[in-house]
Amino acid sequence: MTPQILTNLRLIDPEADTETEGWLRIEAGRIAEIGEGYRDGTDCGGKVLAPGIVDIGVKICEPGERHKESFRTAGAAAAAGGVTTMVTRPDTLPAIDSPETLEFVTRRAQEAAPVNVLTMAALTKGREGREMVEIGFLKDAGAVAFTDCDRVTTNTKVLSRCLTYARSLGALVMAHPQEPVMSSGAAVTSGKFASLRGLPAVSPMAERMGLERDMALVEMTGARYHADGLTAAGSLPVLERAKAAGLDVTAGVNIHHLTLNELDVGDYRTFFKIKPPLRSEDDRKAMVDAVATGLIDCISSFHTPQDEESKRLPFEEAASGAVALETLLPAAMRLYHSGALSLPQLFRALSLNPAKRLGLEAGRLAVGAPADLILFDPDAPFVLDRFALKSKSKNTPFDGQRMQGRVLATFVGGHCVYGAL
């Protein structure tokens, strides 16, 4: 690969928490040199260069629902959105709960996706919460974490055994904290607004209750644990206590819970129906503050494709979820332009921390790190047209909204997989 020098850049280093003007040299798929000032090379016009996004919790509907999303379309969407590593969920049909299924999706990803793809495996067989998967075999086959996604394991004896076994192997367990009985059938967050709309609702306390239970089990077993999508202010003291106690715990938040709130579902638009449901403005602000302080470690898209037939239903019957691989960065720019988060803070949560949690070299702007990079213009305005998205499914809540932030080029291992310079 021919060495390449990119110059006239705003370099975002989330590890050093800095933004500097300078240049960067790519050689043999890695960052070979970084410097301040100007150097002869490809002039990038003062645009922003940052580590590529490491997106934990992407749903790709292979096997079982390729009409919603495939590795080819998700890979194209990721490249266009500046996501250089997708960490995919096991909630497929069938679930990824055996080395054979994991091998299939790994092969498909290598064939079809232009970005890095890492796969999580189910924690229990069929994601049914009754029998632990072969964690050791799946880890050896390449599983980077274990999760039953939005299905809560209600049997605490089964979950404690899973955590104990995962601890013995150094495996990471991810969970979606909820009290499942309270959450069952809920479409929105409880409160006056939900009552006025006549929609089935759940209190944010259900999330706190689920997290309290999980923290007790983590304390008992010593397992490595990641809460994949906290949304409620009431959950934050629980997370803070767990970290202060030295538990090996991290947490993430969905970009939609950082940029939207419960009032957005006012006209019953099902594209705003996600899981957990959108919360109050106070909860949204609390989550943003938690990202700023580092209490919340990661921001993810929680990309969940749904076809039109699943969404064109009454609100309480419609499927949950939104596509977000291409909207993750421009939605995050709302937090930057509002002054809530700096670019280094954002990329700490979008790139550095997810990579660190999974033990990856990526997510850093440092000599020797993989040249997984995105070049983007944080100020470029546009109106989002969902039909222009590269994902097969078009269920985005940002359709028709004015946004800022355009990816100009995406590099994976030094190769430009999107855009041109």
Protein backbone atom coordinates (compact mmCIF):
# COMPACT_ATOMS: atom_id res chain seq x y z
CA MET A 1 0.00 0.00 0.00
CA THR A 2 1.40 3.39 -1.00
CA PRO A 3 2.03 5.68 1.99
CA GLN A 4 -0.41 8.58 2.14
CA ILE A 5 -0.14 11.94 3.88
CA LEU A 6 -3.31 13.83 4.83
CA THR A 7 -2.70 17.46 5.73
CA ASN A 8 -4.56 20.62 6.78
CA LEU A 9 -6.62 18.67 9.31
CA ARG A 10 -8.35 19.22 12.63
CA LEU A 11 -7.04 16.16 14.48
CA ILE A 12 -9.29 14.77 17.23
CA ASP A 13 -7.42 12.71 19.83
CA PRO A 14 -9.91 11.32 22.36
CA GLU A 15 -7.12 9.69 24.39
CA ALA A 16 -5.32 12.99 25.00
CA ASP A 17 -8.61 14.96 24.96
CA THR A 18 -7.16 17.36 22.38
CA GLU A 19 -8.04 18.98 19.07
CA THR A 20 -5.05 20.22 17.06
CA GLU A 21 -4.27 21.41 13.54
CA GLY A 22 -1.85 19.18 11.73
CA TRP A 23 -1.21 16.26 9.41
CA LEU A 24 -1.14 12.45 9.50
CA ARG A 25 0.73 9.82 7.50
CA ILE A 26 -0.73 6.37 6.76
CA GLU A 27 1.56 3.46 5.88
CA ALA A 28 0.94 -0.30 5.74
CA GLY A 29 -2.57 0.13 7.10
CA ARG A 30 -1.50 1.97 10.23
CA ILE A 31 -0.89 5.49 11.44
CA ALA A 32 2.82 5.99 10.83
CA GLU A 33 3.32 9.60 11.83
CA ILE A 34 1.35 12.58 13.22
CA GLY A 35 2.50 16.18 13.31
CA GLU A 36 1.31 19.70 13.93
CA GLY A 37 1.24 22.48 11.35
CA TYR A 38 1.24 21.94 7.58
CA ARG A 39 3.07 19.35 5.45
CA ASP A 40 2.88 18.57 1.76
CA GLY A 41 0.24 15.96 1.05
CA THR A 42 -3.46 15.64 0.29
CA ASP A 43 -5.02 18.91 1.48
CA CYS A 44 -8.18 18.18 3.45
CA GLY A 45 -9.34 21.78 3.69
CA GLY A 46 -9.29 22.08 7.45
CA LYS A 47 -11.85 19.31 7.96
CA VAL A 48 -11.96 16.99 10.98
CA LEU A 49 -10.06 13.69 11.14
CA ALA A 50 -11.02 11.37 13.98
CA PRO A 51 -10.77 7.67 14.88
CA GLY A 52 -13.43 5.60 13.14
CA ILE A 53 -16.55 4.85 15.16
CA VAL A 54 -16.70 1.50 16.99
CA ASP A 55 -20.43 0.81 17.15
CA ILE A 56 -21.50 -1.79 19.74
CA GLY A 57 -24.91 -3.40 19.24
CA VAL A 58 -25.62 -3.28 15.50
CA LYS A 59 -28.36 -5.62 14.31
CA ILE A 60 -27.72 -7.25 10.95
CA CYS A 61 -30.57 -9.50 9.95
CA GLU A 62 -28.53 -12.39 8.60
CA PRO A 63 -29.51 -15.13 9.04
CA GLY A 64 -33.28 -15.06 8.93
CA GLU A 65 -34.45 -11.58 7.91
CA ARG A 66 -32.28 -10.46 5.01
CA HIS A 67 -35.20 -8.43 3.63
CA LYS A 68 -34.59 -6.00 6.52
CA GLU A 69 -30.78 -5.75 6.35
CA SER A 70 -27.81 -7.69 5.02
CA PHE A 71 -24.09 -7.50 5.66
CA ARG A 72 -23.68 -5.84 2.27
CA THR A 73 -26.18 -3.04 2.92
CA ALA A 74 -25.22 -2.58 6.57
CA GLY A 75 -21.55 -2.46 5.60
CA ALA A 76 -22.24 0.23 3.00
CA ALA A 77 -24.28 2.21 5.53
CA ALA A 78 -21.54 1.90 8.13
CA ALA A 79 -18.87 3.14 5.73
CA ALA A 80 -21.06 6.09 4.75
CA GLY A 81 -21.63 6.88 8.42
CA GLY A 82 -18.02 6.73 9.54
CA VAL A 83 -18.45 3.44 11.42
CA THR A 84 -15.25 1.47 10.85
CA THR A 85 -16.08 -1.39 13.25
CA MET A 86 -19.56 -2.88 13.69
CA VAL A 87 -20.08 -5.09 16.73
CA THR A 88 -23.15 -7.07 15.78
CA ARG A 89 -25.91 -8.51 17.94
CA PRO A 90 -26.93 -12.19 18.09
CA ASP A 91 -30.71 -11.58 17.93
CA THR A 92 -31.00 -13.18 14.50
CA LEU A 93 -33.19 -16.07 13.30
CA PRO A 94 -31.83 -18.44 14.52
CA ALA A 95 -29.87 -16.76 17.30
CA ILE A 96 -26.09 -16.85 17.13
CA ASP A 97 -25.70 -19.41 19.89
CA SER A 98 -23.38 -22.02 18.32
CA PRO A 99 -19.91 -21.94 16.73
CA GLU A 100 -21.46 -23.02 13.41
CA THR A 101 -23.82 -20.04 13.25
CA LEU A 102 -21.04 -17.72 14.36
CA GLU A 103 -18.79 -19.08 11.62
CA PHE A 104 -21.53 -18.44 9.04
CA VAL A 105 -22.00 -14.78 9.96
CA THR A 106 -18.25 -14.23 10.22
CA ARG A 107 -17.77 -15.56 6.71
CA ARG A 108 -20.67 -13.50 5.35
CA ALA A 109 -19.26 -10.35 6.95
CA GLN A 110 -15.83 -10.91 5.46
CA GLU A 111 -17.37 -11.45 2.01
CA ALA A 112 -19.79 -8.54 1.98
CA ALA A 113 -18.86 -5.73 4.39
CA PRO A 114 -16.13 -3.16 3.64
CA VAL A 115 -15.69 -2.37 7.36
CA ASN A 116 -14.53 -4.45 10.32
CA VAL A 117 -17.26 -6.71 11.73
CA LEU A 118 -17.06 -8.34 15.15
CA THR A 119 -19.81 -10.59 16.42
CA MET A 120 -21.39 -11.08 19.82
CA ALA A 121 -22.95 -14.42 20.70
CA ALA A 122 -26.07 -15.20 22.70
CA LEU A 123 -25.65 -15.77 26.43
CA THR A 124 -28.27 -18.52 26.60
CA LYS A 125 -29.41 -20.98 23.95
CA GLY A 126 -32.03 -19.45 21.68
CA ARG A 127 -31.83 -16.34 23.91
CA GLU A 128 -34.47 -18.10 26.01
CA GLY A 129 -32.81 -17.66 29.39
CA ARG A 130 -32.87 -21.35 30.31
CA GLU A 131 -29.55 -22.91 29.31
CA MET A 132 -26.10 -21.37 29.02
CA VAL A 133 -24.38 -21.46 25.63
CA GLU A 134 -20.91 -22.98 25.15
CA ILE A 135 -19.16 -19.75 26.10
CA GLY A 136 -15.66 -21.21 25.77
CA PHE A 137 -16.21 -22.64 22.29
CA LEU A 138 -17.91 -19.47 21.06
CA LYS A 139 -15.16 -17.26 22.48
CA ASP A 140 -12.57 -19.43 20.72
CA ALA A 141 -14.60 -19.08 17.51
CA GLY A 142 -14.37 -15.29 17.73
CA ALA A 143 -17.29 -14.03 19.83
CA VAL A 144 -16.24 -10.73 21.45
CA ALA A 145 -19.07 -10.61 24.02
CA PHE A 146 -22.17 -12.50 25.14
CA THR A 147 -25.68 -11.07 25.32
CA ASP A 148 -29.33 -12.01 25.02
CA CYS A 149 -29.99 -8.44 23.82
CA ASP A 150 -33.38 -7.10 24.91
CA ARG A 151 -34.52 -10.43 26.38
CA VAL A 152 -33.87 -10.24 30.10
CA THR A 153 -32.79 -13.50 31.75
CA THR A 154 -35.38 -13.72 34.51
CA ASN A 155 -33.92 -16.84 36.14
CA THR A 156 -31.25 -15.38 38.41
CA LYS A 157 -29.71 -18.80 39.05
CA VAL A 158 -29.11 -19.25 35.30
CA LEU A 159 -27.74 -15.72 34.98
CA SER A 160 -25.42 -16.11 37.96
CA ARG A 161 -24.04 -19.33 36.46
CA CYS A 162 -23.49 -17.57 33.12
CA LEU A 163 -21.67 -14.71 34.85
CA THR A 164 -19.54 -17.08 36.91
CA TYR A 165 -18.52 -19.11 33.86
CA ALA A 166 -17.87 -15.95 31.81
CA ARG A 167 -15.70 -14.65 34.64
CA SER A 168 -13.57 -17.81 34.57
CA LEU A 169 -12.93 -17.27 30.84
CA GLY A 170 -12.52 -13.48 30.95
CA ALA A 171 -15.56 -13.09 28.69
CA LEU A 172 -17.56 -9.86 28.55
CA VAL A 173 -21.29 -10.09 29.27
CA MET A 174 -23.61 -7.41 27.95
CA ALA A 175 -27.13 -6.88 29.23
CA HIS A 176 -30.17 -4.70 28.64
CA PRO A 177 -31.24 -3.79 32.20
CA GLN A 178 -35.01 -3.88 32.67
CA GLU A 179 -37.49 -5.35 35.11
CA PRO A 180 -39.22 -7.58 32.53
CA VAL A 181 -42.69 -7.80 34.09
CA MET A 182 -43.03 -4.02 34.41
CA SER A 183 -41.61 -3.50 30.92
CA SER A 184 -43.79 -6.07 29.16
CA GLY A 185 -45.98 -4.51 26.48
CA ALA A 186 -44.82 -0.96 27.16
CA ALA A 187 -44.58 1.44 24.22
CA VAL A 188 -43.67 4.72 25.93
CA THR A 189 -42.39 6.09 29.25
CA SER A 190 -45.03 6.52 31.95
CA GLY A 191 -46.23 9.97 32.97
CA LYS A 192 -48.79 12.61 32.11
CA PHE A 193 -47.84 12.64 28.43
CA ALA A 194 -48.31 8.87 28.08
CA SER A 195 -51.67 9.07 29.85
CA LEU A 196 -52.89 11.83 27.54
CA ARG A 197 -51.89 9.74 24.52
CA GLY A 198 -53.49 6.60 25.91
CA LEU A 199 -50.42 4.44 25.29
CA PRO A 200 -49.16 1.51 27.42
CA ALA A 201 -46.23 2.79 29.46
CA VAL A 202 -43.42 1.76 31.78
CA SER A 203 -41.72 3.69 34.56
CA PRO A 204 -37.97 4.40 34.20
CA MET A 205 -37.73 2.71 37.60
CA ALA A 206 -37.92 -0.62 35.73
CA GLU A 207 -34.47 0.09 34.30
CA ARG A 208 -33.04 0.96 37.70
CA MET A 209 -34.50 -2.21 39.22
CA GLY A 210 -32.95 -4.34 36.48
CA LEU A 211 -29.59 -2.65 36.88
CA GLU A 212 -29.65 -3.04 40.69
CA ARG A 213 -30.21 -6.79 40.26
CA ASP A 214 -27.44 -7.13 37.70
CA MET A 215 -24.97 -5.16 39.84
CA ALA A 216 -25.66 -7.46 42.79
CA LEU A 217 -24.90 -10.50 40.59
CA VAL A 218 -21.75 -8.87 39.19
CA GLU A 219 -20.59 -8.14 42.73
CA MET A 220 -21.21 -11.78 43.63
CA THR A 221 -19.48 -13.28 40.57
CA GLY A 222 -16.81 -10.72 39.66
CA ALA A 223 -17.80 -10.87 35.99
CA ARG A 224 -17.00 -8.30 33.30
CA TYR A 225 -20.27 -6.52 32.51
CA HIS A 226 -21.52 -3.85 30.11
CA ALA A 227 -25.00 -2.28 30.30
CA ASP A 228 -25.79 -1.71 26.64
CA GLY A 229 -28.33 1.09 26.82
CA LEU A 230 -29.01 3.10 29.96
CA THR A 231 -31.62 5.84 29.54
CA ALA A 232 -32.85 6.99 32.96
CA ALA A 233 -31.35 9.43 35.44
CA GLY A 234 -32.34 7.10 38.27
CA SER A 235 -29.95 4.43 36.95
CA LEU A 236 -26.88 6.64 37.17
CA PRO A 237 -26.33 6.48 40.97
CA VAL A 238 -26.45 2.67 40.72
CA LEU A 239 -23.77 2.72 38.01
CA GLU A 240 -21.69 5.22 39.97
CA ARG A 241 -21.76 3.07 43.12
CA ALA A 242 -20.77 -0.03 41.15
CA LYS A 243 -17.79 1.71 39.58
CA ALA A 244 -16.75 3.22 42.93
CA ALA A 245 -16.84 -0.27 44.43
CA GLY A 246 -14.34 -1.45 41.83
CA LEU A 247 -16.69 -3.68 39.84
CA ASP A 248 -15.64 -4.31 36.24
CA VAL A 249 -18.65 -2.46 34.84
CA THR A 250 -19.18 -0.12 31.91
CA ALA A 251 -22.29 1.33 30.30
CA GLY A 252 -23.50 2.72 27.00
CA VAL A 253 -26.31 4.91 25.76
CA ASN A 254 -28.25 4.93 22.50
CA ILE A 255 -27.80 8.08 20.36
CA HIS A 256 -31.58 8.47 20.18
CA HIS A 257 -31.81 8.80 23.96
CA LEU A 258 -29.22 11.60 23.81
CA THR A 259 -30.96 13.60 21.09
CA LEU A 260 -34.72 12.88 21.35
CA ASN A 261 -37.26 12.78 24.17
CA GLU A 262 -40.73 11.41 24.95
CA LEU A 263 -42.52 14.36 23.35
CA ASP A 264 -41.25 13.28 19.93
CA VAL A 265 -43.80 10.45 19.87
CA GLY A 266 -46.65 12.95 20.20
CA ASP A 267 -48.13 12.39 16.75
CA TYR A 268 -47.85 8.58 17.14
CA ARG A 269 -45.04 8.29 14.59
CA THR A 270 -43.81 4.74 14.99
CA PHE A 271 -40.31 5.60 13.72
CA PHE A 272 -39.86 7.12 17.20
CA LYS A 273 -40.75 3.83 18.90
CA ILE A 274 -37.54 2.36 20.24
CA LYS A 275 -36.56 0.14 23.18
CA PRO A 276 -36.27 1.33 25.92
CA PRO A 277 -38.82 4.02 25.04
CA LEU A 278 -37.77 7.65 24.73
CA ARG A 279 -37.51 9.30 28.12
CA SER A 280 -38.20 12.75 29.61
CA GLU A 281 -36.07 15.77 28.78
CA ASP A 282 -34.59 15.62 32.30
CA ASP A 283 -33.47 12.03 31.65
CA ARG A 284 -32.00 13.01 28.27
CA LYS A 285 -29.97 15.83 29.83
CA ALA A 286 -28.78 13.53 32.62
CA MET A 287 -27.50 11.04 30.04
CA VAL A 288 -25.63 13.77 28.15
CA ASP A 289 -24.04 14.98 31.39
CA ALA A 290 -23.05 11.38 32.24
CA VAL A 291 -21.28 11.05 28.87
CA ALA A 292 -19.49 14.35 29.50
CA THR A 293 -18.19 13.21 32.90
CA GLY A 294 -17.30 9.73 31.66
CA LEU A 295 -19.79 7.92 33.90
CA ILE A 296 -21.44 6.65 30.70
CA ASP A 297 -18.62 5.13 28.68
CA CYS A 298 -20.01 4.52 25.18
CA ILE A 299 -22.44 5.95 22.63
CA SER A 300 -23.90 3.54 20.09
CA SER A 301 -26.43 3.58 17.27
CA PHE A 302 -28.27 0.42 18.42
CA HIS A 303 -29.06 0.06 14.71
CA THR A 304 -32.29 -1.96 14.46
CA PRO A 305 -33.77 -2.30 10.95
CA GLN A 306 -37.52 -2.87 10.64
CA ASP A 307 -39.47 -3.18 7.40
CA GLU A 308 -42.44 -0.98 6.52
CA GLU A 309 -44.94 -3.69 7.43
CA SER A 310 -43.53 -3.85 10.96
CA LYS A 311 -43.73 -0.09 11.44
CA ARG A 312 -46.98 0.83 9.63
CA LEU A 313 -49.11 -0.34 12.54
CA PRO A 314 -50.80 1.31 15.54
CA PHE A 315 -48.10 2.64 17.86
CA GLU A 316 -48.46 -0.02 20.57
CA GLU A 317 -48.37 -2.83 17.97
CA ALA A 318 -45.49 -1.53 15.84
CA ALA A 319 -42.02 -3.04 16.10
CA SER A 320 -39.40 -1.14 18.10
CA GLY A 321 -36.15 0.14 16.69
CA ALA A 322 -34.54 2.54 14.25
CA VAL A 323 -31.76 2.40 11.69
CA ALA A 324 -28.88 4.62 12.76
CA LEU A 325 -25.54 3.66 11.19
CA GLU A 326 -25.67 6.69 8.88
CA THR A 327 -27.37 9.06 11.33
CA LEU A 328 -25.16 8.34 14.36
CA LEU A 329 -22.54 10.97 13.50
CA PRO A 330 -24.87 13.83 12.42
CA ALA A 331 -27.09 13.18 15.43
CA ALA A 332 -24.00 13.31 17.66
CA MET A 333 -23.08 16.63 16.05
CA ARG A 334 -26.23 18.09 17.62
CA LEU A 335 -24.55 17.60 20.98
CA TYR A 336 -21.36 19.25 19.70
CA HIS A 337 -23.09 22.25 18.14
CA SER A 338 -25.20 22.80 21.25
CA GLY A 339 -22.02 22.96 23.34
CA ALA A 340 -22.99 19.94 25.43
CA LEU A 341 -19.99 17.82 24.36
CA SER A 342 -16.67 18.57 22.68
CA LEU A 343 -15.42 16.55 19.74
CA PRO A 344 -12.78 14.75 21.87
CA GLN A 345 -15.49 13.89 24.42
CA LEU A 346 -17.76 12.56 21.69
CA PHE A 347 -15.07 10.39 20.14
CA ARG A 348 -14.03 9.11 23.53
CA ALA A 349 -17.53 7.62 23.74
CA LEU A 350 -17.97 6.76 20.05
CA SER A 351 -14.54 5.25 19.37
CA LEU A 352 -11.99 5.01 22.17
CA ASN A 353 -14.03 3.54 25.01
CA PRO A 354 -15.88 0.91 22.94
CA ALA A 355 -12.55 -0.24 21.50
CA LYS A 356 -10.93 -0.38 24.94
CA ARG A 357 -13.84 -2.35 26.39
CA LEU A 358 -13.46 -4.97 23.67
CA GLY A 359 -9.67 -5.03 23.82
CA LEU A 360 -9.22 -3.58 20.33
CA GLU A 361 -6.34 -1.49 19.02
CA ALA A 362 -8.79 0.78 17.19
CA GLY A 363 -10.41 3.98 18.44
CA ARG A 364 -7.17 5.92 18.85
CA LEU A 365 -5.36 8.63 16.92
CA ALA A 366 -1.83 7.50 17.76
CA VAL A 367 1.26 6.29 15.94
CA GLY A 368 1.02 2.53 15.45
CA ALA A 369 -2.77 2.38 15.75
CA PRO A 370 -4.79 0.94 12.85
CA ALA A 371 -5.63 3.56 10.21
CA ASP A 372 -9.37 3.23 10.83
CA LEU A 373 -10.29 6.87 10.38
CA ILE A 374 -13.07 9.21 9.33
CA LEU A 375 -12.74 12.58 7.66
CA PHE A 376 -15.85 14.71 8.09
CA ASP A 377 -17.25 18.22 8.00
CA PRO A 378 -19.11 18.83 11.29
CA ASP A 379 -20.79 21.96 9.92
CA ALA A 380 -22.13 20.70 6.57
CA PRO A 381 -25.93 21.14 6.63
CA PHE A 382 -28.44 18.81 4.97
CA VAL A 383 -32.02 17.62 5.22
CA LEU A 384 -32.19 13.89 5.85
CA ASP A 385 -34.05 11.85 3.24
CA ARG A 386 -34.62 8.35 4.56
CA PHE A 387 -34.89 6.94 1.05
CA ALA A 388 -31.29 8.02 0.40
CA LEU A 389 -30.00 5.84 3.23
CA LYS A 390 -27.95 2.80 2.20
CA SER A 391 -29.67 0.48 4.69
CA LYS A 392 -32.39 -1.75 3.26
CA SER A 393 -34.81 -0.58 5.93
CA LYS A 394 -35.58 3.12 6.18
CA ASN A 395 -37.02 3.42 9.69
CA THR A 396 -35.27 6.53 10.98
CA PRO A 397 -36.83 9.11 13.31
CA PHE A 398 -34.70 11.81 11.68
CA ASP A 399 -36.47 11.68 8.31
CA GLY A 400 -37.00 15.21 6.98
CA GLN A 401 -35.01 16.84 9.78
CA ARG A 402 -32.29 19.44 9.33
CA MET A 403 -28.95 18.00 10.39
CA GLN A 404 -25.26 18.89 10.31
CA GLY A 405 -22.24 16.66 9.79
CA ARG A 406 -21.17 14.93 6.59
CA VAL A 407 -18.67 12.09 6.29
CA LEU A 408 -16.23 12.91 3.48
CA ALA A 409 -14.08 9.77 3.62
CA THR A 410 -13.85 6.58 5.68
CA PHE A 411 -10.63 4.57 5.97
CA VAL A 412 -10.39 0.97 7.17
CA GLY A 413 -6.87 -0.32 7.56
CA GLY A 414 -5.68 2.61 5.46
CA HIS A 415 -7.99 1.79 2.55
CA CYS A 416 -10.57 4.39 1.61
CA VAL A 417 -13.88 2.48 1.71
CA TYR A 418 -16.16 5.50 1.33
CA GLY A 419 -15.78 8.90 -0.32
CA ALA A 420 -12.74 10.21 -2.12
CA LEU A 421 -9.93 12.67 -1.58
